[in-house]
């Protein structure tokens, strides 16, 4: 089985990072960095079925189907992730937030990819996620923090 993990530290409190990761309006601000999709029907509540809708590409409609499995606000969330092909694996995404003396550590883990296709998909999604978490999320956090402090 293949997986990828991205770990990033942000200079904002856990509550702010959690909000930007889980508020549907905020999620759309950072997921579109690196060609990700915007959430439709998302809520950080177990049992919630939602979709990420992005730009279609050859061989992909641009839709990922998800369901929230568990939430321990403001520290953890897990959800399933399935592409639009019958052959696509059902994989799992986990967010873990840990307080640091001057901010928050986010560990993003995506597990459950199988076979050669799964290996390739984990590498592709890992590179997209690294861009989102290095560029998109910090910009969304900065904008959110500036509004909250003002």
C-alpha atoms as a PDB file:
ATOM      1  CA  UNK A   1       0.000   0.000   0.000  1.00  0.00           C
ATOM      2  CA  UNK A   2       1.143   3.531  -0.767  1.00  0.00           C
ATOM      3  CA  UNK A   3       0.587   6.718   1.154  1.00  0.00           C
ATOM      4  CA  UNK A   4       2.006  10.170   1.606  1.00  0.00           C
ATOM      5  CA  UNK A   5       2.424  12.446   4.588  1.00  0.00           C
ATOM      6  CA  UNK A   6       2.988  16.193   4.604  1.00  0.00           C
ATOM      7  CA  UNK A   7       4.013  17.958   7.829  1.00  0.00           C
ATOM      8  CA  UNK A   8       3.952  21.752   8.083  1.00  0.00           C
ATOM      9  CA  UNK A   9       4.291  24.200  10.977  1.00  0.00           C
ATOM     10  CA  UNK A  10       2.243  27.409  10.960  1.00  0.00           C
ATOM     11  CA  UNK A  11       2.654  30.450  13.251  1.00  0.00           C
ATOM     12  CA  UNK A  12      -1.046  30.486  14.218  1.00  0.00           C
ATOM     13  CA  UNK A  13      -2.982  28.904  17.094  1.00  0.00           C
ATOM     14  CA  UNK A  14      -4.614  25.488  16.640  1.00  0.00           C
ATOM     15  CA  UNK A  15      -8.113  27.028  16.665  1.00  0.00           C
ATOM     16  CA  UNK A  16      -7.303  29.282  13.693  1.00  0.00           C
ATOM     17  CA  UNK A  17      -5.657  26.504  11.689  1.00  0.00           C
ATOM     18  CA  UNK A  18      -8.620  24.213  12.439  1.00  0.00           C
ATOM     19  CA  UNK A  19     -11.072  26.884  11.307  1.00  0.00           C
ATOM     20  CA  UNK A  20      -9.291  27.454   7.992  1.00  0.00           C
ATOM     21  CA  UNK A  21      -9.018  23.680   7.431  1.00  0.00           C
ATOM     22  CA  UNK A  22     -12.679  22.967   8.194  1.00  0.00           C
ATOM     23  CA  UNK A  23     -14.807  26.016   7.371  1.00  0.00           C
ATOM     24  CA  UNK A  24     -16.185  25.339   3.857  1.00  0.00           C
ATOM     25  CA  UNK A  25     -15.694  28.951   2.774  1.00  0.00           C
ATOM     26  CA  UNK A  26     -12.090  28.889   3.979  1.00  0.00           C
ATOM     27  CA  UNK A  27     -11.368  25.446   2.501  1.00  0.00           C
ATOM     28  CA  UNK A  28     -12.147  26.783  -0.962  1.00  0.00           C
ATOM     29  CA  UNK A  29      -9.487  29.476  -0.436  1.00  0.00           C
ATOM     30  CA  UNK A  30      -6.584  27.066  -0.057  1.00  0.00           C
ATOM     31  CA  UNK A  31      -7.582  23.879  -1.894  1.00  0.00           C
ATOM     32  CA  UNK A  32      -7.631  25.566  -5.271  1.00  0.00           C
ATOM     33  CA  UNK A  33      -3.877  26.216  -5.006  1.00  0.00           C
ATOM     34  CA  UNK A  34      -2.211  23.519  -7.063  1.00  0.00           C
ATOM     35  CA  UNK A  35      -5.405  22.643  -8.990  1.00  0.00           C
ATOM     36  CA  UNK A  36      -7.343  21.221  -6.044  1.00  0.00           C
ATOM     37  CA  UNK A  37     -11.114  21.308  -5.816  1.00  0.00           C
ATOM     38  CA  UNK A  38     -13.630  23.331  -3.875  1.00  0.00           C
ATOM     39  CA  UNK A  39     -15.786  21.482  -1.337  1.00  0.00           C
ATOM     40  CA  UNK A  40     -19.509  20.953  -1.940  1.00  0.00           C
ATOM     41  CA  UNK A  41     -21.640  19.855   0.992  1.00  0.00           C
ATOM     42  CA  UNK A  42     -18.714  19.704   3.419  1.00  0.00           C
ATOM     43  CA  UNK A  43     -19.153  20.008   7.185  1.00  0.00           C
ATOM     44  CA  UNK A  44     -16.722  18.669   9.816  1.00  0.00           C
ATOM     45  CA  UNK A  45     -19.363  16.272  11.148  1.00  0.00           C
ATOM     46  CA  UNK A  46     -19.043  12.459  11.074  1.00  0.00           C
ATOM     47  CA  UNK A  47     -21.271  10.916   8.417  1.00  0.00           C
ATOM     48  CA  UNK A  48     -21.251  14.020   6.197  1.00  0.00           C
ATOM     49  CA  UNK A  49     -20.885  13.078   2.529  1.00  0.00           C
ATOM     50  CA  UNK A  50     -19.319  15.741   0.358  1.00  0.00           C
ATOM     51  CA  UNK A  51     -17.451  16.279  -2.869  1.00  0.00           C
ATOM     52  CA  UNK A  52     -14.381  18.163  -3.949  1.00  0.00           C
ATOM     53  CA  UNK A  53     -15.049  19.598  -7.391  1.00  0.00           C
ATOM     54  CA  UNK A  54     -12.074  20.691  -9.452  1.00  0.00           C
ATOM     55  CA  UNK A  55     -11.157  21.275 -13.052  1.00  0.00           C
ATOM     56  CA  UNK A  56     -11.756  18.162 -15.164  1.00  0.00           C
ATOM     57  CA  UNK A  57      -8.760  16.723 -16.961  1.00  0.00           C
ATOM     58  CA  UNK A  58      -8.373  13.936 -19.481  1.00  0.00           C
ATOM     59  CA  UNK A  59      -9.556  10.747 -17.793  1.00  0.00           C
ATOM     60  CA  UNK A  60     -11.000  12.489 -14.727  1.00  0.00           C
ATOM     61  CA  UNK A  61     -14.303  14.348 -14.289  1.00  0.00           C
ATOM     62  CA  UNK A  62     -12.818  16.633 -11.626  1.00  0.00           C
ATOM     63  CA  UNK A  63     -14.911  15.173  -8.779  1.00  0.00           C
ATOM     64  CA  UNK A  64     -13.742  13.357  -5.643  1.00  0.00           C
ATOM     65  CA  UNK A  65     -16.344  11.763  -3.370  1.00  0.00           C
ATOM     66  CA  UNK A  66     -15.714  11.882   0.371  1.00  0.00           C
ATOM     67  CA  UNK A  67     -17.325  11.056   3.705  1.00  0.00           C
ATOM     68  CA  UNK A  68     -16.261  12.357   7.108  1.00  0.00           C
ATOM     69  CA  UNK A  69     -15.383   9.379   9.331  1.00  0.00           C
ATOM     70  CA  UNK A  70     -14.346  11.056  12.566  1.00  0.00           C
ATOM     71  CA  UNK A  71     -13.742  14.484  14.073  1.00  0.00           C
ATOM     72  CA  UNK A  72     -12.035  15.440  17.314  1.00  0.00           C
ATOM     73  CA  UNK A  73     -12.197  19.225  17.055  1.00  0.00           C
ATOM     74  CA  UNK A  74      -9.887  21.084  16.931  1.00  0.00           C
ATOM     75  CA  UNK A  75      -7.201  18.405  16.675  1.00  0.00           C
ATOM     76  CA  UNK A  76      -8.134  15.689  14.200  1.00  0.00           C
ATOM     77  CA  UNK A  77     -10.375  14.763  11.309  1.00  0.00           C
ATOM     78  CA  UNK A  78     -10.521  11.728   9.024  1.00  0.00           C
ATOM     79  CA  UNK A  79     -12.477  11.297   5.827  1.00  0.00           C
ATOM     80  CA  UNK A  80     -12.673   8.896   2.905  1.00  0.00           C
ATOM     81  CA  UNK A  81     -11.522   9.925  -0.570  1.00  0.00           C
ATOM     82  CA  UNK A  82     -12.684   8.241  -3.799  1.00  0.00           C
ATOM     83  CA  UNK A  83     -12.253   9.340  -7.379  1.00  0.00           C
ATOM     84  CA  UNK A  84     -14.984   9.027  -9.973  1.00  0.00           C
ATOM     85  CA  UNK A  85     -13.870   5.730 -11.548  1.00  0.00           C
ATOM     86  CA  UNK A  86     -15.211   2.388 -10.322  1.00  0.00           C
ATOM     87  CA  UNK A  87     -11.636   1.139 -10.143  1.00  0.00           C
ATOM     88  CA  UNK A  88     -10.460   4.001  -7.906  1.00  0.00           C
ATOM     89  CA  UNK A  89      -9.447   2.999  -4.376  1.00  0.00           C
ATOM     90  CA  UNK A  90     -11.336   4.323  -1.385  1.00  0.00           C
ATOM     91  CA  UNK A  91      -8.515   5.962   0.551  1.00  0.00           C
ATOM     92  CA  UNK A  92      -8.401   7.970   3.782  1.00  0.00           C
ATOM     93  CA  UNK A  93      -7.214  11.472   4.570  1.00  0.00           C
ATOM     94  CA  UNK A  94      -6.293  12.423   8.137  1.00  0.00           C
ATOM     95  CA  UNK A  95      -5.550  15.889   9.546  1.00  0.00           C
ATOM     96  CA  UNK A  96      -3.721  16.023  12.880  1.00  0.00           C
ATOM     97  CA  UNK A  97      -3.086  19.380  14.579  1.00  0.00           C
ATOM     98  CA  UNK A  98      -0.633  19.699  17.454  1.00  0.00           C
ATOM     99  CA  UNK A  99       0.038  22.878  19.431  1.00  0.00           C
ATOM    100  CA  UNK A 100       3.589  24.224  19.321  1.00  0.00           C
ATOM    101  CA  UNK A 101       5.013  26.964  21.548  1.00  0.00           C
ATOM    102  CA  UNK A 102       4.531  29.500  18.732  1.00  0.00           C
ATOM    103  CA  UNK A 103       1.926  27.939  16.481  1.00  0.00           C
ATOM    104  CA  UNK A 104       0.566  24.649  15.173  1.00  0.00           C
ATOM    105  CA  UNK A 105       1.977  21.566  13.489  1.00  0.00           C
ATOM    106  CA  UNK A 106      -0.292  20.056  10.832  1.00  0.00           C
ATOM    107  CA  UNK A 107       0.258  16.476   9.765  1.00  0.00           C
ATOM    108  CA  UNK A 108      -1.690  15.591   6.611  1.00  0.00           C
ATOM    109  CA  UNK A 109      -1.720  11.867   5.878  1.00  0.00           C
ATOM    110  CA  UNK A 110      -3.383  10.184   2.892  1.00  0.00           C
ATOM    111  CA  UNK A 111      -3.344   6.372   3.053  1.00  0.00           C
ATOM    112  CA  UNK A 112      -4.758   3.313   1.345  1.00  0.00           C
ATOM    113  CA  UNK A 113      -3.511   3.536  -2.253  1.00  0.00           C
ATOM    114  CA  UNK A 114      -3.010   0.119  -3.842  1.00  0.00           C
ATOM    115  CA  UNK A 115      -1.190  -1.188  -6.884  1.00  0.00           C
ATOM    116  CA  UNK A 116       0.887   0.655  -9.439  1.00  0.00           C
ATOM    117  CA  UNK A 117      -1.959   3.084 -10.206  1.00  0.00           C
ATOM    118  CA  UNK A 118      -2.341   3.824  -6.512  1.00  0.00           C
ATOM    119  CA  UNK A 119       1.381   4.435  -6.167  1.00  0.00           C
ATOM    120  CA  UNK A 120       1.275   6.923  -9.059  1.00  0.00           C
ATOM    121  CA  UNK A 121      -1.821   8.625  -7.658  1.00  0.00           C
ATOM    122  CA  UNK A 122      -0.251   8.967  -4.201  1.00  0.00           C
ATOM    123  CA  UNK A 123       2.790  10.672  -5.757  1.00  0.00           C
ATOM    124  CA  UNK A 124       0.621  13.023  -7.836  1.00  0.00           C
ATOM    125  CA  UNK A 125      -1.657  13.944  -4.942  1.00  0.00           C
ATOM    126  CA  UNK A 126       1.317  14.295  -2.603  1.00  0.00           C
ATOM    127  CA  UNK A 127       2.892  16.931  -4.850  1.00  0.00           C
ATOM    128  CA  UNK A 128      -0.432  18.797  -5.203  1.00  0.00           C
ATOM    129  CA  UNK A 129      -0.945  18.703  -1.424  1.00  0.00           C
ATOM    130  CA  UNK A 130       2.564  19.980  -0.745  1.00  0.00           C
ATOM    131  CA  UNK A 131       1.792  23.036  -2.901  1.00  0.00           C
ATOM    132  CA  UNK A 132      -1.545  23.608  -1.184  1.00  0.00           C
ATOM    133  CA  UNK A 133      -0.021  23.370   2.287  1.00  0.00           C
ATOM    134  CA  UNK A 134       3.069  25.439   1.418  1.00  0.00           C
ATOM    135  CA  UNK A 135       1.326  28.193  -0.594  1.00  0.00           C
ATOM    136  CA  UNK A 136      -2.459  28.071  -0.342  1.00  0.00           C
ATOM    137  CA  UNK A 137      -2.950  27.333   3.351  1.00  0.00           C
ATOM    138  CA  UNK A 138      -0.443  29.938   4.628  1.00  0.00           C
ATOM    139  CA  UNK A 139      -2.095  32.653   2.505  1.00  0.00           C
ATOM    140  CA  UNK A 140      -5.565  31.667   3.754  1.00  0.00           C
ATOM    141  CA  UNK A 141      -4.311  31.554   7.357  1.00  0.00           C
ATOM    142  CA  UNK A 142      -2.690  34.976   7.045  1.00  0.00           C
ATOM    143  CA  UNK A 143      -5.869  36.521   5.609  1.00  0.00           C
ATOM    144  CA  UNK A 144      -8.070  34.872   8.256  1.00  0.00           C
ATOM    145  CA  UNK A 145      -5.747  35.876  11.101  1.00  0.00           C
ATOM    146  CA  UNK A 146      -5.630  39.493   9.887  1.00  0.00           C
ATOM    147  CA  UNK A 147      -9.468  39.650   9.947  1.00  0.00           C
ATOM    148  CA  UNK A 148      -9.666  38.028  13.394  1.00  0.00           C
ATOM    149  CA  UNK A 149      -7.086  40.324  14.988  1.00  0.00           C
ATOM    150  CA  UNK A 150      -8.522  43.509  13.428  1.00  0.00           C
END
